């Protein structure tokens, strides 16, 4: 009514009320004119229900396509990053092969795992089996572990050594058993960037 009193001639949209109490989207366009000496308004109403449904459907499809596109882009970026890490790892293999002592080999491997040009893990450590205990051999960043972990115990490292399923020390980490020529020889512990 306000738009009519104001003489608004540009089309506008509003919600109409049906007899059953439900609403209906409408578009009104009107024009003031003189008819038989009286000022009158000629108006046309158009039901926009179908158009609004099509617009909502199209918006949902656009959002879904944007989401799919973003997910595909993120997956491609991750694949590229992994490909680059694999390339760097292949280059580092020759460096690892030059290690003469087992300690040097483990140190080089842990450095590669934490190197941003390598695997870029937040932390990496190698635990070796000595006298029925897992002892920290090398870690990056360096850390001190005063006591070895009994290989037969229930500690996550011991379960990993035996190849048993179990939770890693934290949700952002992974424990992998290392196999030697005569059986289990240690555990690789890595923690990821959050």
C-alpha atoms as a PDB file:
ATOM      1  CA  UNK A   1       0.000   0.000   0.000  1.00  0.00           C
ATOM      2  CA  UNK A   2       2.878   2.352   0.811  1.00  0.00           C
ATOM      3  CA  UNK A   3       4.338   1.843  -2.685  1.00  0.00           C
ATOM      4  CA  UNK A   4       0.941   2.510  -4.270  1.00  0.00           C
ATOM      5  CA  UNK A   5       0.423   5.733  -2.278  1.00  0.00           C
ATOM      6  CA  UNK A   6       3.930   6.832  -3.212  1.00  0.00           C
ATOM      7  CA  UNK A   7       3.110   6.304  -6.891  1.00  0.00           C
ATOM      8  CA  UNK A   8       5.984   3.846  -7.320  1.00  0.00           C
ATOM      9  CA  UNK A   9       5.964   2.639 -10.909  1.00  0.00           C
ATOM     10  CA  UNK A  10       9.116   0.481 -10.807  1.00  0.00           C
ATOM     11  CA  UNK A  11       8.359  -3.220 -10.326  1.00  0.00           C
ATOM     12  CA  UNK A  12       8.963  -4.546  -6.814  1.00  0.00           C
ATOM     13  CA  UNK A  13       8.733  -7.878  -5.053  1.00  0.00           C
ATOM     14  CA  UNK A  14       6.878  -8.751  -1.872  1.00  0.00           C
ATOM     15  CA  UNK A  15       5.286 -11.687  -0.058  1.00  0.00           C
ATOM     16  CA  UNK A  16       1.552 -12.110  -0.526  1.00  0.00           C
ATOM     17  CA  UNK A  17      -0.732 -13.999   1.844  1.00  0.00           C
ATOM     18  CA  UNK A  18      -2.944 -16.810   0.550  1.00  0.00           C
ATOM     19  CA  UNK A  19      -6.339 -17.710   2.059  1.00  0.00           C
ATOM     20  CA  UNK A  20      -4.788 -20.782   3.720  1.00  0.00           C
ATOM     21  CA  UNK A  21      -2.261 -18.543   5.546  1.00  0.00           C
ATOM     22  CA  UNK A  22       0.778 -19.517   3.442  1.00  0.00           C
ATOM     23  CA  UNK A  23       2.864 -16.892   1.710  1.00  0.00           C
ATOM     24  CA  UNK A  24       3.598 -16.515  -1.967  1.00  0.00           C
ATOM     25  CA  UNK A  25       6.387 -14.449  -3.552  1.00  0.00           C
ATOM     26  CA  UNK A  26       4.902 -11.857  -5.899  1.00  0.00           C
ATOM     27  CA  UNK A  27       6.117  -9.163  -8.263  1.00  0.00           C
ATOM     28  CA  UNK A  28       4.031  -6.078  -8.697  1.00  0.00           C
ATOM     29  CA  UNK A  29       4.273  -3.532 -11.432  1.00  0.00           C
ATOM     30  CA  UNK A  30       1.851  -0.650 -11.615  1.00  0.00           C
ATOM     31  CA  UNK A  31       1.152   2.587 -13.383  1.00  0.00           C
ATOM     32  CA  UNK A  32      -0.972   5.557 -12.347  1.00  0.00           C
ATOM     33  CA  UNK A  33      -3.287   6.886 -15.010  1.00  0.00           C
ATOM     34  CA  UNK A  34      -6.476   8.848 -15.503  1.00  0.00           C
ATOM     35  CA  UNK A  35      -9.596   6.882 -16.447  1.00  0.00           C
ATOM     36  CA  UNK A  36     -12.883   8.654 -17.101  1.00  0.00           C
ATOM     37  CA  UNK A  37     -11.601  11.684 -15.243  1.00  0.00           C
ATOM     38  CA  UNK A  38     -10.470   9.767 -12.179  1.00  0.00           C
ATOM     39  CA  UNK A  39      -6.971   8.915 -11.008  1.00  0.00           C
ATOM     40  CA  UNK A  40      -6.579   5.101 -11.048  1.00  0.00           C
ATOM     41  CA  UNK A  41      -3.763   2.633 -10.742  1.00  0.00           C
ATOM     42  CA  UNK A  42      -3.419  -0.286 -13.099  1.00  0.00           C
ATOM     43  CA  UNK A  43      -1.339  -3.075 -11.571  1.00  0.00           C
ATOM     44  CA  UNK A  44      -0.226  -6.533 -12.522  1.00  0.00           C
ATOM     45  CA  UNK A  45       0.845  -9.239 -10.092  1.00  0.00           C
ATOM     46  CA  UNK A  46       3.006 -12.161 -11.051  1.00  0.00           C
ATOM     47  CA  UNK A  47       3.517 -15.305  -8.965  1.00  0.00           C
ATOM     48  CA  UNK A  48       7.280 -15.815  -8.548  1.00  0.00           C
ATOM     49  CA  UNK A  49       7.123 -19.225  -6.842  1.00  0.00           C
ATOM     50  CA  UNK A  50       8.635 -21.164  -9.756  1.00  0.00           C
ATOM     51  CA  UNK A  51      11.300 -18.553 -10.394  1.00  0.00           C
ATOM     52  CA  UNK A  52      12.299 -18.455  -6.711  1.00  0.00           C
ATOM     53  CA  UNK A  53      12.479 -22.271  -6.622  1.00  0.00           C
ATOM     54  CA  UNK A  54      14.659 -22.299  -9.750  1.00  0.00           C
ATOM     55  CA  UNK A  55      16.900 -19.569  -8.275  1.00  0.00           C
ATOM     56  CA  UNK A  56      17.284 -21.523  -5.019  1.00  0.00           C
ATOM     57  CA  UNK A  57      18.058 -24.709  -6.967  1.00  0.00           C
ATOM     58  CA  UNK A  58      20.593 -22.878  -9.122  1.00  0.00           C
ATOM     59  CA  UNK A  59      22.244 -21.327  -6.038  1.00  0.00           C
ATOM     60  CA  UNK A  60      22.520 -24.803  -4.441  1.00  0.00           C
ATOM     61  CA  UNK A  61      24.079 -26.179  -7.641  1.00  0.00           C
ATOM     62  CA  UNK A  62      26.525 -23.269  -7.828  1.00  0.00           C
ATOM     63  CA  UNK A  63      27.533 -23.763  -4.168  1.00  0.00           C
ATOM     64  CA  UNK A  64      27.997 -27.495  -4.780  1.00  0.00           C
ATOM     65  CA  UNK A  65      30.102 -26.875  -7.904  1.00  0.00           C
ATOM     66  CA  UNK A  66      32.211 -24.308  -6.042  1.00  0.00           C
ATOM     67  CA  UNK A  67      32.745 -26.819  -3.234  1.00  0.00           C
ATOM     68  CA  UNK A  68      33.685 -29.570  -5.714  1.00  0.00           C
ATOM     69  CA  UNK A  69      36.039 -27.211  -7.540  1.00  0.00           C
ATOM     70  CA  UNK A  70      37.701 -26.153  -4.292  1.00  0.00           C
ATOM     71  CA  UNK A  71      38.076 -29.773  -3.162  1.00  0.00           C
ATOM     72  CA  UNK A  72      39.553 -30.751  -6.536  1.00  0.00           C
ATOM     73  CA  UNK A  73      41.959 -27.803  -6.379  1.00  0.00           C
ATOM     74  CA  UNK A  74      43.024 -28.715  -2.838  1.00  0.00           C
ATOM     75  CA  UNK A  75      43.526 -32.348  -3.877  1.00  0.00           C
ATOM     76  CA  UNK A  76      45.653 -31.272  -6.845  1.00  0.00           C
ATOM     77  CA  UNK A  77      47.761 -29.027  -4.612  1.00  0.00           C
ATOM     78  CA  UNK A  78      48.264 -31.904  -2.155  1.00  0.00           C
ATOM     79  CA  UNK A  79      49.208 -34.279  -5.013  1.00  0.00           C
ATOM     80  CA  UNK A  80      51.702 -31.711  -6.285  1.00  0.00           C
ATOM     81  CA  UNK A  81      53.182 -31.298  -2.795  1.00  0.00           C
ATOM     82  CA  UNK A  82      53.491 -35.064  -2.359  1.00  0.00           C
ATOM     83  CA  UNK A  83      55.057 -35.410  -5.801  1.00  0.00           C
ATOM     84  CA  UNK A  84      57.644 -32.796  -4.888  1.00  0.00           C
ATOM     85  CA  UNK A  85      58.369 -34.603  -1.612  1.00  0.00           C
ATOM     86  CA  UNK A  86      58.838 -37.901  -3.451  1.00  0.00           C
ATOM     87  CA  UNK A  87      61.261 -36.193  -5.863  1.00  0.00           C
ATOM     88  CA  UNK A  88      63.211 -34.773  -2.924  1.00  0.00           C
ATOM     89  CA  UNK A  89      63.194 -38.186  -1.227  1.00  0.00           C
ATOM     90  CA  UNK A  90      64.676 -39.859  -4.321  1.00  0.00           C
ATOM     91  CA  UNK A  91      67.438 -37.267  -4.376  1.00  0.00           C
ATOM     92  CA  UNK A  92      68.119 -37.909  -0.692  1.00  0.00           C
ATOM     93  CA  UNK A  93      68.368 -41.685  -1.132  1.00  0.00           C
ATOM     94  CA  UNK A  94      71.844 -41.318  -2.619  1.00  0.00           C
ATOM     95  CA  UNK A  95      72.878 -39.319   0.448  1.00  0.00           C
ATOM     96  CA  UNK A  96      71.487 -42.037   2.730  1.00  0.00           C
ATOM     97  CA  UNK A  97      73.316 -44.721   0.779  1.00  0.00           C
ATOM     98  CA  UNK A  98      76.624 -42.979   1.492  1.00  0.00           C
ATOM     99  CA  UNK A  99      76.187 -43.438   5.273  1.00  0.00           C
ATOM    100  CA  UNK A 100      78.800 -45.840   6.635  1.00  0.00           C
ATOM    101  CA  UNK A 101      77.556 -46.371  10.185  1.00  0.00           C
ATOM    102  CA  UNK A 102      73.983 -47.342  11.225  1.00  0.00           C
ATOM    103  CA  UNK A 103      73.804 -44.272  13.495  1.00  0.00           C
ATOM    104  CA  UNK A 104      74.633 -41.999  10.556  1.00  0.00           C
ATOM    105  CA  UNK A 105      72.019 -43.713   8.395  1.00  0.00           C
ATOM    106  CA  UNK A 106      69.328 -43.285  11.084  1.00  0.00           C
ATOM    107  CA  UNK A 107      70.296 -39.646  11.645  1.00  0.00           C
ATOM    108  CA  UNK A 108      70.148 -38.905   7.914  1.00  0.00           C
ATOM    109  CA  UNK A 109      66.782 -40.660   7.592  1.00  0.00           C
ATOM    110  CA  UNK A 110      65.267 -38.714  10.508  1.00  0.00           C
ATOM    111  CA  UNK A 111      66.658 -35.445   9.107  1.00  0.00           C
ATOM    112  CA  UNK A 112      65.054 -36.232   5.743  1.00  0.00           C
ATOM    113  CA  UNK A 113      61.707 -36.941   7.399  1.00  0.00           C
ATOM    114  CA  UNK A 114      61.716 -33.531   9.142  1.00  0.00           C
ATOM    115  CA  UNK A 115      63.285 -31.507   6.329  1.00  0.00           C
ATOM    116  CA  UNK A 116      60.751 -29.143   4.643  1.00  0.00           C
ATOM    117  CA  UNK A 117      62.238 -30.201   1.304  1.00  0.00           C
ATOM    118  CA  UNK A 118      61.805 -33.841   2.335  1.00  0.00           C
ATOM    119  CA  UNK A 119      58.741 -35.216   4.077  1.00  0.00           C
ATOM    120  CA  UNK A 120      58.306 -32.160   6.351  1.00  0.00           C
ATOM    121  CA  UNK A 121      57.108 -33.997   9.468  1.00  0.00           C
ATOM    122  CA  UNK A 122      56.963 -31.973  12.684  1.00  0.00           C
ATOM    123  CA  UNK A 123      58.982 -34.606  14.582  1.00  0.00           C
ATOM    124  CA  UNK A 124      60.600 -37.949  13.834  1.00  0.00           C
ATOM    125  CA  UNK A 125      62.348 -40.487  16.059  1.00  0.00           C
ATOM    126  CA  UNK A 126      63.794 -43.957  15.680  1.00  0.00           C
ATOM    127  CA  UNK A 127      63.587 -46.359  18.624  1.00  0.00           C
ATOM    128  CA  UNK A 128      65.841 -49.428  18.365  1.00  0.00           C
ATOM    129  CA  UNK A 129      65.501 -52.758  20.147  1.00  0.00           C
ATOM    130  CA  UNK A 130      68.351 -53.388  22.621  1.00  0.00           C
ATOM    131  CA  UNK A 131      68.265 -55.959  25.408  1.00  0.00           C
ATOM    132  CA  UNK A 132      64.450 -56.374  25.224  1.00  0.00           C
ATOM    133  CA  UNK A 133      63.925 -52.601  25.494  1.00  0.00           C
ATOM    134  CA  UNK A 134      63.171 -49.911  22.939  1.00  0.00           C
ATOM    135  CA  UNK A 135      65.811 -47.204  23.282  1.00  0.00           C
ATOM    136  CA  UNK A 136      65.724 -43.817  21.547  1.00  0.00           C
ATOM    137  CA  UNK A 137      68.477 -43.870  18.917  1.00  0.00           C
ATOM    138  CA  UNK A 138      67.871 -40.543  17.174  1.00  0.00           C
ATOM    139  CA  UNK A 139      65.201 -37.857  17.173  1.00  0.00           C
ATOM    140  CA  UNK A 140      64.534 -34.561  15.497  1.00  0.00           C
ATOM    141  CA  UNK A 141      64.162 -32.208  17.195  1.00  0.00           C
ATOM    142  CA  UNK A 142      66.630 -33.781  19.625  1.00  0.00           C
ATOM    143  CA  UNK A 143      65.192 -35.082  22.897  1.00  0.00           C
ATOM    144  CA  UNK A 144      66.417 -37.008  25.884  1.00  0.00           C
ATOM    145  CA  UNK A 145      64.725 -40.227  26.938  1.00  0.00           C
ATOM    146  CA  UNK A 146      66.180 -41.514  30.202  1.00  0.00           C
ATOM    147  CA  UNK A 147      64.472 -44.913  30.332  1.00  0.00           C
ATOM    148  CA  UNK A 148      63.958 -47.504  27.637  1.00  0.00           C
ATOM    149  CA  UNK A 149      60.511 -48.948  26.983  1.00  0.00           C
ATOM    150  CA  UNK A 150      60.105 -52.689  27.735  1.00  0.00           C
ATOM    151  CA  UNK A 151      59.444 -54.432  24.410  1.00  0.00           C
ATOM    152  CA  UNK A 152      56.941 -56.803  26.025  1.00  0.00           C
ATOM    153  CA  UNK A 153      54.905 -54.091  27.758  1.00  0.00           C
ATOM    154  CA  UNK A 154      51.674 -52.309  26.886  1.00  0.00           C
ATOM    155  CA  UNK A 155      53.308 -49.005  25.880  1.00  0.00           C
ATOM    156  CA  UNK A 156      52.230 -47.832  22.380  1.00  0.00           C
ATOM    157  CA  UNK A 157      55.841 -48.197  21.170  1.00  0.00           C
ATOM    158  CA  UNK A 158      55.960 -51.822  22.367  1.00  0.00           C
ATOM    159  CA  UNK A 159      52.604 -52.592  20.711  1.00  0.00           C
ATOM    160  CA  UNK A 160      53.851 -51.004  17.472  1.00  0.00           C
ATOM    161  CA  UNK A 161      57.030 -53.120  17.616  1.00  0.00           C
ATOM    162  CA  UNK A 162      54.866 -56.256  17.840  1.00  0.00           C
ATOM    163  CA  UNK A 163      52.686 -55.005  14.965  1.00  0.00           C
ATOM    164  CA  UNK A 164      49.600 -54.677  17.179  1.00  0.00           C
ATOM    165  CA  UNK A 165      46.967 -52.075  16.475  1.00  0.00           C
ATOM    166  CA  UNK A 166      46.942 -49.320  19.012  1.00  0.00           C
ATOM    167  CA  UNK A 167      46.616 -45.617  19.394  1.00  0.00           C
ATOM    168  CA  UNK A 168      49.730 -43.532  18.714  1.00  0.00           C
ATOM    169  CA  UNK A 169      51.014 -41.312  21.534  1.00  0.00           C
ATOM    170  CA  UNK A 170      48.945 -38.444  20.141  1.00  0.00           C
ATOM    171  CA  UNK A 171      46.313 -38.131  17.370  1.00  0.00           C
ATOM    172  CA  UNK A 172      48.753 -36.286  15.105  1.00  0.00           C
ATOM    173  CA  UNK A 173      51.320 -39.052  15.096  1.00  0.00           C
ATOM    174  CA  UNK A 174      52.108 -42.457  13.684  1.00  0.00           C
ATOM    175  CA  UNK A 175      54.140 -45.442  14.919  1.00  0.00           C
ATOM    176  CA  UNK A 176      55.589 -47.871  12.367  1.00  0.00           C
ATOM    177  CA  UNK A 177      57.454 -51.098  13.194  1.00  0.00           C
ATOM    178  CA  UNK A 178      60.912 -51.460  11.667  1.00  0.00           C
ATOM    179  CA  UNK A 179      61.982 -54.903  10.484  1.00  0.00           C
ATOM    180  CA  UNK A 180      65.552 -56.135  10.498  1.00  0.00           C
ATOM    181  CA  UNK A 181      66.966 -59.293   8.945  1.00  0.00           C
ATOM    182  CA  UNK A 182      66.096 -61.351  12.019  1.00  0.00           C
ATOM    183  CA  UNK A 183      62.718 -59.798  12.878  1.00  0.00           C
ATOM    184  CA  UNK A 184      61.479 -56.610  14.548  1.00  0.00           C
ATOM    185  CA  UNK A 185      64.338 -54.184  15.153  1.00  0.00           C
ATOM    186  CA  UNK A 186      62.665 -50.950  16.258  1.00  0.00           C
ATOM    187  CA  UNK A 187      59.927 -48.393  15.773  1.00  0.00           C
ATOM    188  CA  UNK A 188      59.721 -45.234  13.662  1.00  0.00           C
ATOM    189  CA  UNK A 189      57.725 -42.487  15.377  1.00  0.00           C
ATOM    190  CA  UNK A 190      56.546 -39.449  13.377  1.00  0.00           C
ATOM    191  CA  UNK A 191      54.333 -36.530  14.287  1.00  0.00           C
ATOM    192  CA  UNK A 192      52.601 -34.388  11.692  1.00  0.00           C
ATOM    193  CA  UNK A 193      52.117 -30.643  11.559  1.00  0.00           C
ATOM    194  CA  UNK A 194      48.614 -29.757  12.725  1.00  0.00           C
END
